[in-house]
Amino acid sequence: MSAPRPTVLLVDDEARTLDLLGAVLEHQGLATTLAKSPQDAIRLLRTIEFDAVVTDVVFDGFAEGSLVLAAARDLQPRAVVVLMTGFPDVEAAVAAMKAGAVDYLKKPVDPIVLAAFAELHRRRPDVELWTFGQGGDLGVDFPHRNLGVLADADLPALYAQATAGLVLSMTNYSLVAQEMLACGLPCVELDSPSVVAAFGSGGAALLAPLDPGGVADALERLLSDPALRAGHAAAGARLREERTWAHAAEQVEAGLRAAIAHTQSA
């Protein structure tokens, strides 16, 4: 008879992160229960015994991970508690340890990005893979160059050296893709509502599904087709010309005039 699997309560309000980390933990042999809010987590802590609790720190802009930590210490003092966040700092880590957490982790680079890079390396081992935005070891087994956290002033030079870029915007679209395009770097973005609203379905960015294989497909298309890269680079240049402060002011003025005209005619 096999031993029971260790049980983990995983708490995060980002559904993608929750599902992906849950799948990784399950693959590692842990029995994982998912909670989308501190309130859900506390209810589960009252009814189910866990060996460990892994919780995000920030929920909807509020540091409510401390509520999960406090509830776990009160209801299940033997459970190991680990806090994770995309915005770590030393003072917060020290406070978490004093409150009873055993570790305070920075969220990893998006696993979809890493899985897509791994697949792209399998297909195209000649392609150099660069990452930036996070220091330290990424914990992957494919060749790559992690440039760490870069100053804004260093990014244009980086984009000028690259052949294609990759950004996956899960909620609001990231300005990084817009910056890449403004610098003439064609890039792959996620086929999500916010990205489509920003760039259009056939716009400057080449869109890909939320799937490592699909992302790798899009990157491989850009890398293999100079004409496609040139087309997206040209679309990015047009986008740069359109998105100026002067043009934004004109749009605001036009919207205000339309609103006033509508009010006066009502």
Protein backbone atom coordinates (compact mmCIF):
# COMPACT_ATOMS: atom_id res chain seq x y z
CA MET A 1 0.00 0.00 0.00
CA SER A 2 1.46 3.32 -1.10
CA ALA A 3 1.85 6.19 1.35
CA PRO A 4 -0.67 9.04 1.11
CA ARG A 5 0.45 11.95 -1.01
CA PRO A 6 1.43 15.18 0.78
CA THR A 7 -1.41 17.70 0.59
CA VAL A 8 -0.97 21.31 -0.52
CA LEU A 9 -3.38 24.24 -0.52
CA LEU A 10 -2.47 26.60 -3.37
CA VAL A 11 -3.95 30.10 -3.24
CA ASP A 12 -3.82 32.66 -6.08
CA ASP A 13 -6.36 34.95 -7.74
CA GLU A 14 -4.73 34.56 -11.17
CA ALA A 15 -6.49 31.56 -12.70
CA ARG A 16 -3.64 30.85 -15.14
CA THR A 17 -1.01 30.83 -12.39
CA LEU A 18 -3.24 28.74 -10.16
CA ASP A 19 -3.88 26.11 -12.81
CA LEU A 20 -0.28 25.94 -14.01
CA LEU A 21 1.32 25.74 -10.58
CA GLY A 22 -1.34 23.25 -9.51
CA ALA A 23 -0.53 21.04 -12.49
CA VAL A 24 3.21 21.25 -11.72
CA LEU A 25 2.67 20.29 -8.07
CA GLU A 26 0.38 17.41 -9.05
CA HIS A 27 3.02 16.21 -11.51
CA GLN A 28 5.51 16.23 -8.61
CA GLY A 29 3.26 13.85 -6.68
CA LEU A 30 1.47 16.32 -4.39
CA ALA A 31 -2.28 16.29 -3.80
CA THR A 32 -3.18 19.90 -4.58
CA THR A 33 -6.31 21.85 -3.65
CA LEU A 34 -6.86 25.20 -5.38
CA ALA A 35 -8.35 28.37 -3.88
CA LYS A 36 -8.96 31.60 -5.82
CA SER A 37 -9.22 33.95 -2.84
CA PRO A 38 -8.10 34.26 0.78
CA GLN A 39 -11.72 33.73 1.86
CA ASP A 40 -11.95 30.43 -0.05
CA ALA A 41 -8.61 29.38 1.40
CA ILE A 42 -9.70 30.10 4.99
CA ARG A 43 -12.90 28.09 4.48
CA LEU A 44 -10.83 25.14 3.22
CA LEU A 45 -8.40 25.46 6.14
CA ARG A 46 -11.35 25.04 8.50
CA THR A 47 -12.47 21.77 6.89
CA ILE A 48 -9.46 20.04 5.28
CA GLU A 49 -6.08 19.25 6.81
CA PHE A 50 -3.06 20.27 4.72
CA ASP A 51 0.63 19.55 4.97
CA ALA A 52 1.52 22.83 3.29
CA VAL A 53 -0.04 26.11 2.19
CA VAL A 54 1.37 28.13 -0.72
CA THR A 55 -0.29 31.52 -1.14
CA ASP A 56 0.13 34.65 -3.19
CA VAL A 57 0.64 37.86 -1.22
CA VAL A 58 -1.36 40.43 -3.22
CA PHE A 59 -5.03 39.91 -4.12
CA ASP A 60 -6.79 42.65 -6.12
CA GLY A 61 -4.21 45.17 -5.00
CA PHE A 62 -4.39 44.27 -1.29
CA ALA A 63 -1.82 42.29 0.69
CA GLU A 64 -4.34 39.71 1.89
CA GLY A 65 -1.93 36.80 1.77
CA SER A 66 -1.23 37.70 5.40
CA LEU A 67 -4.82 36.65 6.19
CA VAL A 68 -4.14 33.18 4.80
CA LEU A 69 -0.89 33.00 6.74
CA ALA A 70 -2.59 34.01 10.00
CA ALA A 71 -5.45 31.55 9.47
CA ALA A 72 -3.05 28.71 8.71
CA ARG A 73 -0.99 29.45 11.83
CA ASP A 74 -4.19 29.51 13.91
CA LEU A 75 -6.13 26.60 12.37
CA GLN A 76 -3.31 24.31 11.23
CA PRO A 77 -0.10 25.25 13.07
CA ARG A 78 1.73 22.15 11.80
CA ALA A 79 1.24 23.11 8.13
CA VAL A 80 4.21 24.61 6.30
CA VAL A 81 3.33 28.04 4.86
CA VAL A 82 5.10 29.58 1.86
CA LEU A 83 4.30 33.06 0.51
CA MET A 84 4.93 33.95 -3.14
CA THR A 85 4.77 37.25 -4.97
CA GLY A 86 5.79 38.96 -8.16
CA PHE A 87 7.00 41.99 -6.18
CA PRO A 88 9.31 40.81 -3.39
CA ASP A 89 11.25 43.05 -1.03
CA VAL A 90 13.46 42.37 1.96
CA GLU A 91 11.26 44.04 4.60
CA ALA A 92 8.17 42.12 3.49
CA ALA A 93 10.12 38.85 3.52
CA VAL A 94 11.38 39.49 7.05
CA ALA A 95 7.86 40.35 8.24
CA ALA A 96 6.50 37.16 6.67
CA MET A 97 9.12 35.04 8.42
CA LYS A 98 8.34 36.65 11.75
CA ALA A 99 4.64 35.92 11.18
CA GLY A 100 5.36 32.23 10.70
CA ALA A 101 6.04 31.69 6.99
CA VAL A 102 8.91 29.29 6.24
CA ASP A 103 9.77 30.90 2.89
CA TYR A 104 9.03 33.93 0.76
CA LEU A 105 9.36 33.31 -2.96
CA LYS A 106 9.37 35.41 -6.10
CA LYS A 107 6.95 34.08 -8.69
CA PRO A 108 8.81 32.41 -11.53
CA VAL A 109 8.95 33.52 -15.15
CA ASP A 110 5.71 32.53 -16.85
CA PRO A 111 5.90 28.73 -17.29
CA ILE A 112 4.18 29.05 -20.68
CA VAL A 113 7.11 31.20 -21.86
CA LEU A 114 9.66 28.70 -20.56
CA ALA A 115 7.79 25.75 -22.06
CA ALA A 116 7.54 27.57 -25.39
CA PHE A 117 11.27 28.32 -25.32
CA ALA A 118 12.02 24.68 -24.54
CA GLU A 119 9.91 23.58 -27.51
CA LEU A 120 11.50 26.19 -29.78
CA HIS A 121 14.97 25.00 -28.74
CA ARG A 122 13.98 21.43 -29.58
CA ARG A 123 12.95 22.53 -33.06
CA ARG A 124 15.60 25.19 -33.65
CA PRO A 125 18.66 24.51 -31.46
CA ASP A 126 20.55 27.17 -33.44
CA VAL A 127 18.38 30.00 -32.05
CA GLU A 128 19.74 31.96 -29.09
CA LEU A 129 17.13 32.41 -26.35
CA TRP A 130 17.33 35.52 -24.16
CA THR A 131 15.20 36.45 -21.17
CA PHE A 132 15.10 39.59 -19.06
CA GLY A 133 13.16 40.99 -16.14
CA GLN A 134 14.16 38.49 -13.46
CA GLY A 135 17.55 37.72 -11.97
CA GLY A 136 18.86 34.39 -10.77
CA ASP A 137 18.59 30.86 -12.09
CA LEU A 138 15.41 30.20 -14.08
CA GLY A 139 15.62 26.47 -13.35
CA VAL A 140 15.42 25.31 -16.98
CA ASP A 141 17.50 22.73 -18.82
CA PHE A 142 17.75 24.39 -22.26
CA PRO A 143 20.57 26.81 -23.24
CA HIS A 144 19.59 30.44 -22.63
CA ARG A 145 20.97 33.79 -21.58
CA ASN A 146 19.18 35.47 -18.70
CA LEU A 147 19.97 39.20 -18.81
CA GLY A 148 18.31 39.87 -15.46
CA VAL A 149 16.66 43.16 -14.57
CA LEU A 150 17.56 45.88 -17.08
CA ALA A 151 17.25 49.64 -16.94
CA ASP A 152 14.69 51.16 -19.30
CA ALA A 153 17.48 52.99 -21.11
CA ASP A 154 19.13 49.65 -22.00
CA LEU A 155 16.07 48.09 -23.63
CA PRO A 156 16.19 49.77 -27.09
CA ALA A 157 19.71 48.44 -27.67
CA LEU A 158 18.57 44.97 -26.61
CA TYR A 159 15.58 45.07 -28.96
CA ALA A 160 17.86 46.19 -31.80
CA GLN A 161 19.98 43.04 -31.39
CA ALA A 162 17.05 40.61 -31.30
CA THR A 163 15.31 38.97 -34.27
CA ALA A 164 11.93 38.42 -32.60
CA GLY A 165 10.36 39.19 -29.24
CA LEU A 166 7.90 37.37 -27.01
CA VAL A 167 5.43 38.90 -24.57
CA LEU A 168 2.37 37.17 -23.08
CA SER A 169 -0.16 39.66 -21.67
CA MET A 170 -2.71 37.79 -19.57
CA THR A 171 -4.84 40.69 -18.29
CA ASN A 172 -4.10 44.26 -19.42
CA TYR A 173 -1.76 44.27 -22.40
CA SER A 174 1.88 44.84 -21.59
CA LEU A 175 3.68 47.98 -22.73
CA VAL A 176 6.73 45.80 -23.43
CA ALA A 177 5.23 44.55 -26.70
CA GLN A 178 4.43 48.11 -27.73
CA GLU A 179 8.01 49.17 -26.89
CA MET A 180 9.45 46.28 -28.91
CA LEU A 181 7.33 47.22 -31.91
CA ALA A 182 8.24 50.90 -31.56
CA CYS A 183 11.91 49.87 -31.73
CA GLY A 184 11.32 47.86 -34.89
CA LEU A 185 11.33 44.42 -33.25
CA PRO A 186 8.50 42.15 -34.46
CA CYS A 187 7.02 40.21 -31.58
CA VAL A 188 4.60 37.47 -30.60
CA GLU A 189 1.82 38.35 -28.17
CA LEU A 190 -1.00 36.41 -26.60
CA ASP A 191 -4.30 36.22 -28.48
CA SER A 192 -6.26 37.73 -25.59
CA PRO A 193 -9.03 40.38 -25.51
CA SER A 194 -6.83 43.16 -24.18
CA VAL A 195 -4.12 42.52 -26.78
CA VAL A 196 -6.62 42.34 -29.65
CA ALA A 197 -8.17 45.60 -28.43
CA ALA A 198 -4.72 47.22 -28.39
CA PHE A 199 -3.28 45.90 -31.66
CA GLY A 200 -6.17 44.35 -33.59
CA SER A 201 -6.49 40.72 -34.61
CA GLY A 202 -4.27 41.22 -37.65
CA GLY A 203 -2.22 44.10 -36.33
CA ALA A 204 1.39 44.77 -35.52
CA ALA A 205 1.87 41.88 -33.09
CA LEU A 206 1.72 38.27 -34.25
CA LEU A 207 -0.86 36.62 -31.98
CA ALA A 208 -0.54 33.15 -30.48
CA PRO A 209 -2.80 30.95 -28.32
CA LEU A 210 -2.08 30.30 -24.63
CA ASP A 211 -0.24 27.08 -25.42
CA PRO A 212 3.50 26.39 -25.48
CA GLY A 213 3.29 24.69 -28.87
CA GLY A 214 1.24 27.53 -30.35
CA VAL A 215 3.64 30.15 -29.00
CA ALA A 216 6.60 28.19 -30.38
CA ASP A 217 4.80 27.95 -33.75
CA ALA A 218 4.39 31.74 -33.90
CA LEU A 219 8.01 32.39 -32.94
CA GLU A 220 9.22 29.88 -35.51
CA ARG A 221 7.14 31.60 -38.20
CA LEU A 222 8.76 34.96 -37.42
CA LEU A 223 12.25 33.47 -37.30
CA SER A 224 11.81 31.58 -40.57
CA ASP A 225 10.10 34.26 -42.67
CA PRO A 226 11.99 37.54 -43.26
CA ALA A 227 9.03 38.98 -45.19
CA LEU A 228 6.70 38.29 -42.27
CA ARG A 229 9.15 39.95 -39.86
CA ALA A 230 9.45 42.95 -42.15
CA GLY A 231 5.66 43.27 -42.37
CA HIS A 232 5.22 43.25 -38.60
CA ALA A 233 8.15 45.65 -38.16
CA ALA A 234 6.50 48.05 -40.63
CA ALA A 235 3.19 47.73 -38.79
CA GLY A 236 5.03 48.53 -35.57
CA ALA A 237 6.51 51.66 -37.17
CA ARG A 238 3.03 52.81 -38.20
CA LEU A 239 1.82 52.16 -34.67
CA ARG A 240 4.66 54.29 -33.30
CA GLU A 241 3.69 57.16 -35.59
CA GLU A 242 0.05 56.95 -34.54
CA ARG A 243 0.56 56.68 -30.78
CA THR A 244 1.91 60.11 -29.99
CA TRP A 245 0.78 62.50 -27.27
CA ALA A 246 -0.50 64.86 -29.97
CA HIS A 247 -2.63 62.11 -31.50
CA ALA A 248 -3.89 61.08 -28.06
CA ALA A 249 -4.88 64.71 -27.36
CA GLU A 250 -6.78 64.82 -30.65
CA GLN A 251 -8.66 61.64 -29.71
CA VAL A 252 -9.57 63.05 -26.29
CA GLU A 253 -10.73 66.32 -27.85
CA ALA A 254 -12.83 64.48 -30.43
CA GLY A 255 -14.43 62.37 -27.71
CA LEU A 256 -15.23 65.41 -25.58
CA ARG A 257 -16.74 67.28 -28.53
CA ALA A 258 -18.88 64.26 -29.41
CA ALA A 259 -20.07 63.93 -25.80
CA ILE A 260 -20.93 67.64 -25.61
CA ALA A 261 -22.76 67.52 -28.92
CA HIS A 262 -24.75 64.50 -27.77
CA THR A 263 -25.68 66.25 -24.50
CA GLN A 264 -26.76 69.43 -26.28
CA SER A 265 -28.93 67.51 -28.76
CA ALA A 266 -30.66 65.46 -26.07
